[in-house]
């Protein structure tokens, strides 16, 4: 079943019973649509984002977005999770090359440069807005799941990098949380102040602190 045929079903132009698309096809179509949404948001940002404006940007209808993602909030969550997975995949690839402290320092600078880039700041802002919303509703399963994944998905590859540097396991987790917490705090700082020079100096101090922690 093509996207047009599915849309006709959603719009009520053909009986739902006649929809013979397999679950696999539906999931593939949903994944393709999500990738288009992520690309659109990377290029256009999240300012004044509505289902209709996003649908227009990716060449579909807002009803199709509702069909696949149910609501704007669930679509936003899916976009942020998809983007996080992309970022983590890139970070994992970088961290796999960490064998010395010098390697780690270069990777930390590289990760900071990428995450703090102007091109990603609308995504970073949207992430923190959604993160705070999930904190306020953390008893809800979806919110709890998002908060847990937002930490654990980043923590695992960072811990693995410290383990390759022969840091004791317990210290690996502590130092990894220090690094991730500091980077997230500095991302908030750059969103608020845009003082890239001052933050570059702060990153230098953070790297020194991580080096001392590892060498301790």
N, C-alpha and C. Protein backbone atom coordinates (compact mmCIF):
# COMPACT_ATOMS: atom_id res chain seq x y z
N UNK A 1 0.84 -1.19 0.00
CA UNK A 1 0.00 0.00 0.00
C UNK A 1 0.88 1.24 0.00
N UNK A 2 0.57 2.18 -0.88
CA UNK A 2 1.36 3.40 -0.98
C UNK A 2 0.92 4.40 0.08
N UNK A 3 1.73 5.47 0.26
CA UNK A 3 1.38 6.51 1.22
C UNK A 3 0.07 7.16 0.85
N UNK A 4 -0.15 7.35 -0.46
CA UNK A 4 -1.39 7.97 -0.92
C UNK A 4 -2.60 7.11 -0.56
N UNK A 5 -2.46 5.80 -0.73
CA UNK A 5 -3.56 4.89 -0.40
C UNK A 5 -3.84 4.89 1.10
N UNK A 6 -2.76 4.93 1.89
CA UNK A 6 -2.96 4.99 3.34
C UNK A 6 -3.65 6.29 3.72
N UNK A 7 -3.22 7.39 3.09
CA UNK A 7 -3.84 8.68 3.41
C UNK A 7 -5.30 8.68 3.03
N UNK A 8 -5.66 8.06 1.91
CA UNK A 8 -7.07 7.97 1.53
C UNK A 8 -7.87 7.24 2.60
N UNK A 9 -7.28 6.19 3.17
CA UNK A 9 -7.94 5.47 4.24
C UNK A 9 -8.13 6.35 5.47
N UNK A 10 -7.07 7.08 5.84
CA UNK A 10 -7.14 7.97 7.00
C UNK A 10 -8.19 9.04 6.80
N UNK A 11 -8.28 9.56 5.56
CA UNK A 11 -9.23 10.63 5.27
C UNK A 11 -10.65 10.12 5.07
N UNK A 12 -10.80 8.80 5.10
CA UNK A 12 -12.14 8.23 4.98
C UNK A 12 -12.60 8.04 3.56
N UNK A 13 -11.69 8.09 2.58
CA UNK A 13 -12.09 7.95 1.19
C UNK A 13 -12.26 6.50 0.75
N UNK A 14 -11.71 5.57 1.54
CA UNK A 14 -11.92 4.15 1.27
C UNK A 14 -12.23 3.47 2.58
N UNK A 15 -12.96 2.36 2.57
CA UNK A 15 -13.27 1.67 3.83
C UNK A 15 -12.01 1.19 4.52
N UNK A 16 -11.98 1.30 5.84
CA UNK A 16 -10.82 0.83 6.59
C UNK A 16 -10.60 -0.66 6.36
N UNK A 17 -11.69 -1.41 6.20
CA UNK A 17 -11.59 -2.85 6.01
C UNK A 17 -10.80 -3.21 4.76
N UNK A 18 -10.75 -2.28 3.78
CA UNK A 18 -10.04 -2.58 2.54
C UNK A 18 -8.55 -2.35 2.66
N UNK A 19 -8.11 -1.79 3.80
CA UNK A 19 -6.68 -1.54 4.00
C UNK A 19 -5.97 -2.85 4.29
N UNK A 20 -5.12 -3.29 3.33
CA UNK A 20 -4.45 -4.58 3.47
C UNK A 20 -2.97 -4.43 3.75
N UNK A 21 -2.56 -3.21 4.11
CA UNK A 21 -1.12 -3.00 4.36
C UNK A 21 -0.68 -3.80 5.56
N UNK A 22 0.46 -4.42 5.44
CA UNK A 22 1.00 -5.19 6.55
C UNK A 22 1.55 -4.27 7.62
N UNK A 23 1.70 -4.82 8.82
CA UNK A 23 2.27 -4.05 9.92
C UNK A 23 3.68 -3.59 9.59
N UNK A 24 4.42 -4.44 8.89
CA UNK A 24 5.79 -4.08 8.50
C UNK A 24 5.79 -2.86 7.60
N UNK A 25 4.90 -2.85 6.62
CA UNK A 25 4.81 -1.72 5.70
C UNK A 25 4.44 -0.44 6.44
N UNK A 26 3.50 -0.55 7.36
CA UNK A 26 3.08 0.63 8.13
C UNK A 26 4.24 1.16 8.96
N UNK A 27 5.00 0.27 9.58
CA UNK A 27 6.12 0.70 10.41
C UNK A 27 7.21 1.33 9.56
N UNK A 28 7.43 0.78 8.36
CA UNK A 28 8.43 1.36 7.47
C UNK A 28 8.00 2.76 7.03
N UNK A 29 6.74 2.91 6.70
CA UNK A 29 6.23 4.22 6.29
C UNK A 29 6.33 5.21 7.44
N UNK A 30 6.02 4.76 8.66
CA UNK A 30 6.12 5.62 9.82
C UNK A 30 7.57 6.05 10.05
N UNK A 31 8.50 5.11 9.91
CA UNK A 31 9.91 5.43 10.11
C UNK A 31 10.41 6.43 9.07
N UNK A 32 9.99 6.24 7.83
CA UNK A 32 10.38 7.16 6.76
C UNK A 32 9.82 8.55 7.03
N UNK A 33 8.58 8.60 7.46
CA UNK A 33 7.94 9.88 7.77
C UNK A 33 8.64 10.57 8.93
N UNK A 34 9.01 9.79 9.95
CA UNK A 34 9.71 10.35 11.10
C UNK A 34 11.07 10.92 10.68
N UNK A 35 11.79 10.21 9.83
CA UNK A 35 13.08 10.71 9.36
C UNK A 35 12.93 12.03 8.62
N UNK A 36 11.87 12.15 7.83
CA UNK A 36 11.62 13.41 7.13
C UNK A 36 11.30 14.53 8.12
N UNK A 37 10.58 14.20 9.17
CA UNK A 37 10.25 15.20 10.19
C UNK A 37 11.50 15.67 10.91
N UNK A 38 12.38 14.73 11.23
CA UNK A 38 13.63 15.08 11.92
C UNK A 38 14.48 15.99 11.05
N UNK A 39 14.62 15.62 9.77
CA UNK A 39 15.41 16.43 8.84
C UNK A 39 14.82 17.83 8.72
N UNK A 40 13.50 17.91 8.64
CA UNK A 40 12.84 19.22 8.55
C UNK A 40 13.13 20.06 9.79
N UNK A 41 13.06 19.46 10.96
CA UNK A 41 13.28 20.20 12.20
C UNK A 41 14.74 20.62 12.35
N UNK A 42 15.67 19.79 11.86
CA UNK A 42 17.08 20.18 11.88
C UNK A 42 17.29 21.42 11.03
N UNK A 43 16.63 21.46 9.87
CA UNK A 43 16.81 22.58 8.94
C UNK A 43 16.02 23.81 9.32
N UNK A 44 14.83 23.61 9.88
CA UNK A 44 13.92 24.74 10.12
C UNK A 44 13.75 25.11 11.59
N UNK A 45 14.15 24.22 12.49
CA UNK A 45 13.99 24.50 13.91
C UNK A 45 12.60 24.15 14.42
N UNK A 46 12.36 24.48 15.69
CA UNK A 46 11.09 24.13 16.33
C UNK A 46 10.19 25.33 16.61
N UNK A 47 10.64 26.52 16.24
CA UNK A 47 9.86 27.72 16.54
C UNK A 47 8.49 27.64 15.87
N UNK A 48 7.45 27.85 16.67
CA UNK A 48 6.08 27.87 16.17
C UNK A 48 5.72 26.61 15.39
N UNK A 49 6.29 25.49 15.82
CA UNK A 49 6.03 24.23 15.13
C UNK A 49 4.62 23.73 15.43
N UNK A 50 3.87 23.49 14.39
CA UNK A 50 2.54 22.90 14.51
C UNK A 50 2.47 21.67 13.63
N UNK A 51 1.46 20.85 13.84
CA UNK A 51 1.30 19.67 13.00
C UNK A 51 1.11 20.06 11.53
N UNK A 52 0.35 21.14 11.30
CA UNK A 52 0.10 21.57 9.92
C UNK A 52 1.36 22.09 9.25
N UNK A 53 2.14 22.91 9.98
CA UNK A 53 3.36 23.45 9.37
C UNK A 53 4.39 22.34 9.12
N UNK A 54 4.46 21.38 10.05
CA UNK A 54 5.38 20.26 9.87
C UNK A 54 4.94 19.38 8.71
N UNK A 55 3.63 19.13 8.64
CA UNK A 55 3.10 18.31 7.54
C UNK A 55 3.40 18.96 6.19
N UNK A 56 3.20 20.26 6.11
CA UNK A 56 3.51 20.97 4.86
C UNK A 56 5.00 20.85 4.52
N UNK A 57 5.83 20.92 5.57
CA UNK A 57 7.28 20.87 5.35
C UNK A 57 7.78 19.52 4.87
N UNK A 58 7.08 18.45 5.21
CA UNK A 58 7.54 17.11 4.82
C UNK A 58 6.68 16.49 3.72
N UNK A 59 5.74 17.28 3.21
CA UNK A 59 4.96 16.81 2.07
C UNK A 59 3.88 15.79 2.39
N UNK A 60 3.19 15.99 3.51
CA UNK A 60 2.08 15.10 3.85
C UNK A 60 0.97 15.95 4.46
N UNK A 61 0.00 15.33 5.08
CA UNK A 61 -1.09 16.07 5.73
C UNK A 61 -0.98 15.91 7.24
N UNK A 62 -1.58 16.86 7.97
CA UNK A 62 -1.53 16.77 9.43
C UNK A 62 -2.31 15.56 9.92
N UNK A 63 -3.29 15.10 9.13
CA UNK A 63 -4.05 13.90 9.52
C UNK A 63 -3.17 12.65 9.46
N UNK A 64 -2.25 12.63 8.50
CA UNK A 64 -1.32 11.50 8.43
C UNK A 64 -0.40 11.49 9.65
N UNK A 65 0.03 12.65 10.08
CA UNK A 65 0.88 12.72 11.27
C UNK A 65 0.12 12.24 12.50
N UNK A 66 -1.13 12.63 12.60
CA UNK A 66 -1.96 12.18 13.72
C UNK A 66 -2.18 10.67 13.64
N UNK A 67 -2.39 10.17 12.43
CA UNK A 67 -2.61 8.73 12.23
C UNK A 67 -1.44 7.92 12.76
N UNK A 68 -0.24 8.37 12.46
CA UNK A 68 0.95 7.62 12.86
C UNK A 68 1.44 7.93 14.26
N UNK A 69 1.28 9.18 14.72
CA UNK A 69 1.89 9.58 15.99
C UNK A 69 0.88 10.03 17.06
N UNK A 70 -0.39 10.12 16.69
CA UNK A 70 -1.51 10.36 17.60
C UNK A 70 -1.64 11.82 18.06
N UNK A 71 -0.54 12.49 18.37
CA UNK A 71 -0.62 13.87 18.85
C UNK A 71 0.69 14.59 18.59
N UNK A 72 0.66 15.92 18.69
CA UNK A 72 1.87 16.72 18.51
C UNK A 72 2.92 16.35 19.55
N UNK A 73 2.48 16.13 20.80
CA UNK A 73 3.42 15.81 21.87
C UNK A 73 4.12 14.48 21.62
N UNK A 74 3.38 13.48 21.18
CA UNK A 74 3.99 12.18 20.90
C UNK A 74 4.91 12.24 19.69
N UNK A 75 4.55 13.07 18.72
CA UNK A 75 5.43 13.25 17.56
C UNK A 75 6.71 13.95 17.98
N UNK A 76 6.60 14.98 18.80
CA UNK A 76 7.78 15.68 19.29
C UNK A 76 8.70 14.73 20.06
N UNK A 77 8.11 13.89 20.89
CA UNK A 77 8.90 12.90 21.64
C UNK A 77 9.63 11.96 20.68
N UNK A 78 8.93 11.51 19.65
CA UNK A 78 9.54 10.61 18.67
C UNK A 78 10.68 11.29 17.92
N UNK A 79 10.49 12.56 17.57
CA UNK A 79 11.53 13.32 16.86
C UNK A 79 12.77 13.46 17.74
N UNK A 80 12.56 13.84 19.00
CA UNK A 80 13.69 14.02 19.91
C UNK A 80 14.41 12.71 20.18
N UNK A 81 13.66 11.62 20.33
CA UNK A 81 14.29 10.32 20.57
C UNK A 81 15.08 9.87 19.34
N UNK A 82 14.50 10.08 18.16
CA UNK A 82 15.18 9.71 16.93
C UNK A 82 16.49 10.50 16.80
N UNK A 83 16.42 11.78 17.08
CA UNK A 83 17.61 12.62 16.98
C UNK A 83 18.65 12.22 18.02
N UNK A 84 18.18 11.88 19.23
CA UNK A 84 19.11 11.44 20.27
C UNK A 84 19.83 10.16 19.83
N UNK A 85 19.11 9.24 19.23
CA UNK A 85 19.72 7.99 18.77
C UNK A 85 20.77 8.27 17.70
N UNK A 86 20.49 9.24 16.83
CA UNK A 86 21.49 9.61 15.81
C UNK A 86 22.75 10.16 16.47
N UNK A 87 22.56 11.05 17.44
CA UNK A 87 23.70 11.66 18.12
C UNK A 87 24.50 10.61 18.89
N UNK A 88 23.80 9.72 19.57
CA UNK A 88 24.47 8.69 20.36
C UNK A 88 25.27 7.76 19.45
N UNK A 89 24.71 7.41 18.31
CA UNK A 89 25.42 6.55 17.36
C UNK A 89 26.74 7.19 16.94
N UNK A 90 26.70 8.50 16.73
CA UNK A 90 27.91 9.22 16.35
C UNK A 90 28.91 9.27 17.50
N UNK A 91 28.39 9.50 18.73
CA UNK A 91 29.26 9.56 19.90
C UNK A 91 29.89 8.19 20.18
N UNK A 92 29.10 7.13 20.04
CA UNK A 92 29.62 5.78 20.25
C UNK A 92 30.78 5.50 19.29
N UNK A 93 30.60 5.89 18.05
CA UNK A 93 31.66 5.69 17.06
C UNK A 93 32.92 6.45 17.46
N UNK A 94 32.75 7.68 17.96
CA UNK A 94 33.91 8.47 18.42
C UNK A 94 34.58 7.81 19.62
N UNK A 95 33.77 7.42 20.60
CA UNK A 95 34.32 6.91 21.86
C UNK A 95 35.01 5.55 21.68
N UNK A 96 34.65 4.82 20.65
CA UNK A 96 35.29 3.53 20.41
C UNK A 96 36.78 3.68 20.08
N UNK A 97 37.18 4.90 19.74
CA UNK A 97 38.58 5.16 19.41
C UNK A 97 39.37 5.70 20.60
N UNK A 98 38.75 5.73 21.77
CA UNK A 98 39.43 6.23 22.96
C UNK A 98 40.28 5.11 23.57
N UNK A 99 41.58 5.30 23.53
CA UNK A 99 42.52 4.36 24.15
C UNK A 99 43.48 5.06 25.10
N UNK A 100 43.55 6.38 25.02
CA UNK A 100 44.42 7.16 25.89
C UNK A 100 43.67 8.38 26.38
N UNK A 101 44.22 9.05 27.39
CA UNK A 101 43.62 10.28 27.87
C UNK A 101 43.60 11.36 26.79
N UNK A 102 44.63 11.36 25.97
CA UNK A 102 44.69 12.34 24.89
C UNK A 102 43.55 12.11 23.90
N UNK A 103 43.28 10.83 23.61
CA UNK A 103 42.13 10.51 22.75
C UNK A 103 40.84 11.04 23.36
N UNK A 104 40.69 10.81 24.67
CA UNK A 104 39.46 11.23 25.35
C UNK A 104 39.29 12.74 25.29
N UNK A 105 40.36 13.48 25.52
CA UNK A 105 40.29 14.94 25.48
C UNK A 105 39.83 15.43 24.10
N UNK A 106 40.39 14.84 23.05
CA UNK A 106 40.01 15.24 21.69
C UNK A 106 38.54 14.95 21.43
N UNK A 107 38.08 13.79 21.91
CA UNK A 107 36.69 13.40 21.68
C UNK A 107 35.74 14.30 22.45
N UNK A 108 36.08 14.66 23.69
CA UNK A 108 35.23 15.55 24.47
C UNK A 108 35.07 16.89 23.75
N UNK A 109 36.18 17.42 23.23
CA UNK A 109 36.11 18.69 22.50
C UNK A 109 35.26 18.54 21.24
N UNK A 110 35.44 17.41 20.56
CA UNK A 110 34.69 17.18 19.34
C UNK A 110 33.19 17.06 19.64
N UNK A 111 32.84 16.34 20.69
CA UNK A 111 31.44 16.18 21.07
C UNK A 111 30.84 17.53 21.45
N UNK A 112 31.59 18.31 22.22
CA UNK A 112 31.09 19.64 22.62
C UNK A 112 30.87 20.53 21.40
N UNK A 113 31.82 20.53 20.48
CA UNK A 113 31.69 21.36 19.28
C UNK A 113 30.44 20.99 18.50
N UNK A 114 30.18 19.70 18.38
CA UNK A 114 29.01 19.25 17.62
C UNK A 114 27.71 19.58 18.35
N UNK A 115 27.63 19.25 19.65
CA UNK A 115 26.38 19.45 20.38
C UNK A 115 26.05 20.91 20.61
N UNK A 116 27.08 21.76 20.69
CA UNK A 116 26.84 23.18 20.98
C UNK A 116 26.73 24.02 19.71
N UNK A 117 26.79 23.38 18.54
CA UNK A 117 26.75 24.13 17.29
C UNK A 117 25.44 24.89 17.14
N UNK A 118 25.50 26.00 16.46
CA UNK A 118 24.31 26.83 16.27
C UNK A 118 23.21 26.06 15.53
N UNK A 119 23.62 25.16 14.64
CA UNK A 119 22.65 24.40 13.85
C UNK A 119 21.78 23.50 14.72
N UNK A 120 22.29 23.09 15.89
CA UNK A 120 21.55 22.15 16.73
C UNK A 120 20.86 22.82 17.92
N UNK A 121 20.98 24.13 18.04
CA UNK A 121 20.46 24.77 19.25
C UNK A 121 18.94 24.72 19.36
N UNK A 122 18.24 24.74 18.23
CA UNK A 122 16.78 24.61 18.32
C UNK A 122 16.41 23.23 18.84
N UNK A 123 17.17 22.21 18.44
CA UNK A 123 16.94 20.85 18.94
C UNK A 123 17.26 20.78 20.42
N UNK A 124 18.37 21.40 20.82
CA UNK A 124 18.77 21.38 22.23
C UNK A 124 17.72 22.07 23.09
N UNK A 125 17.22 23.19 22.62
CA UNK A 125 16.16 23.90 23.34
C UNK A 125 14.92 23.04 23.49
N UNK A 126 14.51 22.41 22.38
CA UNK A 126 13.33 21.55 22.42
C UNK A 126 13.54 20.37 23.35
N UNK A 127 14.76 19.82 23.36
CA UNK A 127 15.05 18.70 24.25
C UNK A 127 14.88 19.10 25.71
N UNK A 128 15.47 20.23 26.09
CA UNK A 128 15.38 20.65 27.49
C UNK A 128 13.95 21.01 27.89
N UNK A 129 13.20 21.61 26.96
CA UNK A 129 11.80 21.93 27.25
C UNK A 129 11.01 20.66 27.51
N UNK A 130 11.23 19.66 26.67
CA UNK A 130 10.51 18.39 26.83
C UNK A 130 11.01 17.65 28.07
N UNK A 131 12.30 17.76 28.35
CA UNK A 131 12.90 17.12 29.52
C UNK A 131 12.26 17.64 30.80
N UNK A 132 12.13 18.97 30.89
CA UNK A 132 11.51 19.57 32.07
C UNK A 132 10.05 19.14 32.19
N UNK A 133 9.35 19.08 31.06
CA UNK A 133 7.96 18.64 31.08
C UNK A 133 7.85 17.22 31.61
N UNK A 134 8.79 16.37 31.22
CA UNK A 134 8.79 14.98 31.69
C UNK A 134 9.11 14.91 33.19
N UNK A 135 9.96 15.79 33.67
CA UNK A 135 10.27 15.83 35.11
C UNK A 135 9.00 16.15 35.90
N UNK A 136 8.21 17.08 35.37
CA UNK A 136 6.98 17.49 36.06
C UNK A 136 5.93 16.38 36.05
N UNK A 137 6.03 15.47 35.09
CA UNK A 137 5.05 14.38 34.98
C UNK A 137 5.76 13.02 35.03
N UNK A 138 6.83 12.94 35.83
CA UNK A 138 7.68 11.75 35.80
C UNK A 138 7.01 10.48 36.30
N UNK A 139 5.85 10.61 36.94
CA UNK A 139 5.12 9.42 37.36
C UNK A 139 4.47 8.72 36.17
N UNK A 140 4.27 9.46 35.09
CA UNK A 140 3.67 8.85 33.89
C UNK A 140 4.70 7.95 33.21
N UNK A 141 4.30 6.78 32.72
CA UNK A 141 5.24 5.83 32.11
C UNK A 141 6.07 6.42 30.97
N UNK A 142 5.42 7.17 30.08
CA UNK A 142 6.14 7.75 28.94
C UNK A 142 7.20 8.74 29.41
N UNK A 143 6.87 9.55 30.40
CA UNK A 143 7.82 10.53 30.92
C UNK A 143 8.98 9.84 31.61
N UNK A 144 8.68 8.85 32.43
CA UNK A 144 9.72 8.11 33.13
C UNK A 144 10.66 7.43 32.15
N UNK A 145 10.09 6.85 31.11
CA UNK A 145 10.89 6.16 30.09
C UNK A 145 11.82 7.14 29.38
N UNK A 146 11.31 8.31 29.03
CA UNK A 146 12.12 9.31 28.33
C UNK A 146 13.26 9.78 29.21
N UNK A 147 13.00 10.05 30.49
CA UNK A 147 14.03 10.52 31.41
C UNK A 147 15.12 9.48 31.62
N UNK A 148 14.71 8.22 31.77
CA UNK A 148 15.68 7.14 31.97
C UNK A 148 16.57 6.97 30.74
N UNK A 149 15.96 6.95 29.57
CA UNK A 149 16.73 6.76 28.34
C UNK A 149 17.64 7.95 28.07
N UNK A 150 17.17 9.15 28.41
CA UNK A 150 17.97 10.36 28.17
C UNK A 150 19.28 10.34 28.95
N UNK A 151 19.32 9.60 30.04
CA UNK A 151 20.57 9.45 30.80
C UNK A 151 21.30 8.17 30.41
N UNK A 152 20.61 7.04 30.48
CA UNK A 152 21.28 5.75 30.29
C UNK A 152 21.86 5.58 28.89
N UNK A 153 21.16 6.07 27.88
CA UNK A 153 21.65 5.91 26.51
C UNK A 153 22.98 6.62 26.29
N UNK A 154 23.19 7.74 27.00
CA UNK A 154 24.46 8.46 26.92
C UNK A 154 25.49 7.87 27.87
N UNK A 155 25.02 7.40 29.02
CA UNK A 155 25.94 6.95 30.07
C UNK A 155 26.73 5.71 29.65
N UNK A 156 26.07 4.78 29.01
CA UNK A 156 26.70 3.49 28.69
C UNK A 156 27.96 3.64 27.83
N UNK A 157 27.92 4.35 26.71
CA UNK A 157 29.15 4.46 25.91
C UNK A 157 30.26 5.26 26.59
N UNK A 158 29.88 6.24 27.43
CA UNK A 158 30.89 7.02 28.14
C UNK A 158 31.57 6.16 29.20
N UNK A 159 30.79 5.38 29.93
CA UNK A 159 31.35 4.46 30.92
C UNK A 159 32.29 3.47 30.24
N UNK A 160 31.89 2.94 29.09
CA UNK A 160 32.73 1.99 28.36
C UNK A 160 34.07 2.60 27.98
N UNK A 161 34.06 3.89 27.63
CA UNK A 161 35.31 4.57 27.26
C UNK A 161 36.24 4.66 28.47
N UNK A 162 35.70 4.99 29.64
CA UNK A 162 36.52 5.06 30.84
C UNK A 162 37.04 3.68 31.25
N UNK A 163 36.22 2.66 31.01
CA UNK A 163 36.68 1.31 31.32
C UNK A 163 37.87 0.92 30.46
N UNK A 164 37.88 1.36 29.21
CA UNK A 164 39.03 1.07 28.35
C UNK A 164 40.29 1.78 28.84
N UNK A 165 40.10 2.85 29.62
CA UNK A 165 41.24 3.56 30.21
C UNK A 165 41.63 2.95 31.56
N UNK A 166 41.01 1.79 31.87
CA UNK A 166 41.30 1.03 33.10
C UNK A 166 40.93 1.79 34.37
N UNK A 167 39.89 2.59 34.28
CA UNK A 167 39.33 3.24 35.47
C UNK A 167 38.44 2.22 36.18
N UNK A 168 38.53 2.10 37.53
CA UNK A 168 37.67 1.16 38.26
C UNK A 168 36.19 1.39 37.94
N UNK A 169 35.42 0.30 37.91
CA UNK A 169 34.02 0.37 37.47
C UNK A 169 33.21 1.43 38.20
N UNK A 170 33.26 1.46 39.53
CA UNK A 170 32.46 2.41 40.28
C UNK A 170 32.85 3.85 39.94
N UNK A 171 34.14 4.09 39.79
CA UNK A 171 34.60 5.42 39.43
C UNK A 171 34.21 5.77 37.99
N UNK A 172 34.16 4.77 37.14
CA UNK A 172 33.72 5.01 35.75
C UNK A 172 32.36 5.67 35.71
N UNK A 173 31.41 5.12 36.47
CA UNK A 173 30.05 5.66 36.48
C UNK A 173 30.03 7.06 37.08
N UNK A 174 30.80 7.28 38.14
CA UNK A 174 30.81 8.59 38.78
C UNK A 174 31.39 9.66 37.86
N UNK A 175 32.52 9.35 37.23
CA UNK A 175 33.17 10.31 36.34
C UNK A 175 32.32 10.54 35.09
N UNK A 176 31.70 9.48 34.59
CA UNK A 176 30.84 9.62 33.42
C UNK A 176 29.66 10.53 33.71
N UNK A 177 29.04 10.39 34.88
CA UNK A 177 27.92 11.26 35.24
C UNK A 177 28.39 12.70 35.42
N UNK A 178 29.59 12.87 35.97
CA UNK A 178 30.15 14.21 36.09
C UNK A 178 30.31 14.85 34.72
N UNK A 179 30.86 14.11 33.79
CA UNK A 179 31.08 14.64 32.44
C UNK A 179 29.75 14.98 31.76
N UNK A 180 28.80 14.05 31.79
CA UNK A 180 27.52 14.28 31.14
C UNK A 180 26.75 15.42 31.79
N UNK A 181 26.76 15.46 33.13
CA UNK A 181 26.07 16.54 33.84
C UNK A 181 26.67 17.90 33.52
N UNK A 182 28.00 17.96 33.46
CA UNK A 182 28.67 19.22 33.15
C UNK A 182 28.36 19.66 31.72
N UNK A 183 28.39 18.73 30.78
CA UNK A 183 28.10 19.08 29.38
C UNK A 183 26.67 19.58 29.21
N UNK A 184 25.72 18.94 29.90
CA UNK A 184 24.33 19.40 29.79
C UNK A 184 24.15 20.77 30.42
N UNK A 185 24.83 20.99 31.54
CA UNK A 185 24.76 22.31 32.16
C UNK A 185 25.35 23.39 31.26
N UNK A 186 26.45 23.07 30.62
CA UNK A 186 27.08 24.04 29.71
C UNK A 186 26.24 24.26 28.45
N UNK A 187 25.50 23.24 28.02
CA UNK A 187 24.59 23.43 26.90
C UNK A 187 23.47 24.41 27.26
N UNK A 188 22.97 24.31 28.48
CA UNK A 188 21.99 25.29 28.95
C UNK A 188 22.60 26.68 28.97
N UNK A 189 23.85 26.75 29.41
CA UNK A 189 24.55 28.03 29.49
C UNK A 189 24.68 28.68 28.11
N UNK A 190 25.06 27.88 27.12
CA UNK A 190 25.25 28.46 25.79
C UNK A 190 23.93 28.88 25.16
N UNK A 191 22.85 28.20 25.52
CA UNK A 191 21.53 28.62 25.04
C UNK A 191 21.14 29.96 25.65
N UNK A 192 21.55 30.18 26.90
CA UNK A 192 21.17 31.40 27.61
C UNK A 192 22.08 32.58 27.27
N UNK A 193 23.37 32.31 27.10
CA UNK A 193 24.32 33.42 26.96
C UNK A 193 24.99 33.52 25.59
N UNK A 194 25.13 32.39 24.91
CA UNK A 194 25.84 32.34 23.62
C UNK A 194 27.28 32.81 23.72
N UNK A 195 27.86 32.76 24.92
CA UNK A 195 29.24 33.20 25.12
C UNK A 195 30.18 32.04 24.83
N UNK A 196 30.48 31.84 23.58
CA UNK A 196 31.26 30.68 23.16
C UNK A 196 32.70 30.73 23.65
N UNK A 197 33.27 31.94 23.76
CA UNK A 197 34.65 32.07 24.21
C UNK A 197 34.79 31.64 25.67
N UNK A 198 33.89 32.14 26.52
CA UNK A 198 33.94 31.78 27.94
C UNK A 198 33.68 30.29 28.13
N UNK A 199 32.77 29.74 27.35
CA UNK A 199 32.44 28.33 27.50
C UNK A 199 33.57 27.43 26.98
N UNK A 200 34.31 27.90 26.00
CA UNK A 200 35.47 27.13 25.52
C UNK A 200 36.50 27.00 26.64
N UNK A 201 36.69 28.08 27.41
CA UNK A 201 37.61 28.03 28.54
C UNK A 201 37.09 27.09 29.62
N UNK A 202 35.76 27.08 29.80
CA UNK A 202 35.16 26.18 30.79
C UNK A 202 35.35 24.72 30.39
N UNK A 203 35.24 24.45 29.10
CA UNK A 203 35.47 23.09 28.60
C UNK A 203 36.91 22.68 28.89
N UNK A 204 37.84 23.60 28.75
CA UNK A 204 39.25 23.30 29.06
C UNK A 204 39.39 22.87 30.52
N UNK A 205 38.72 23.60 31.41
CA UNK A 205 38.79 23.27 32.85
C UNK A 205 38.10 21.93 33.13
N UNK A 206 37.00 21.68 32.45
CA UNK A 206 36.30 20.41 32.62
C UNK A 206 37.20 19.25 32.20
N UNK A 207 37.87 19.39 31.10
CA UNK A 207 38.77 18.34 30.63
C UNK A 207 39.90 18.10 31.64
N UNK A 208 40.42 19.19 32.21
CA UNK A 208 41.46 19.05 33.23
C UNK A 208 40.94 18.28 34.44
N UNK A 209 39.69 18.59 34.84
CA UNK A 209 39.08 17.91 35.99
C UNK A 209 38.88 16.42 35.70
N UNK A 210 38.44 16.10 34.49
CA UNK A 210 38.26 14.70 34.10
C UNK A 210 39.59 13.98 34.08
N UNK A 211 40.63 14.64 33.57
CA UNK A 211 41.96 14.04 33.54
C UNK A 211 42.45 13.72 34.95
N UNK A 212 42.28 14.67 35.87
CA UNK A 212 42.71 14.45 37.26
C UNK A 212 41.91 13.32 37.90
N UNK A 213 40.63 13.25 37.59
CA UNK A 213 39.79 12.18 38.15
C UNK A 213 40.23 10.82 37.66
N UNK A 214 40.59 10.72 36.40
CA UNK A 214 41.01 9.45 35.81
C UNK A 214 42.39 9.04 36.34
N UNK A 215 43.26 10.02 36.52
CA UNK A 215 44.62 9.72 36.98
C UNK A 215 44.73 9.48 38.47
N UNK A 216 43.65 9.83 39.18
CA UNK A 216 43.68 9.69 40.66
C UNK A 216 43.88 8.26 41.11
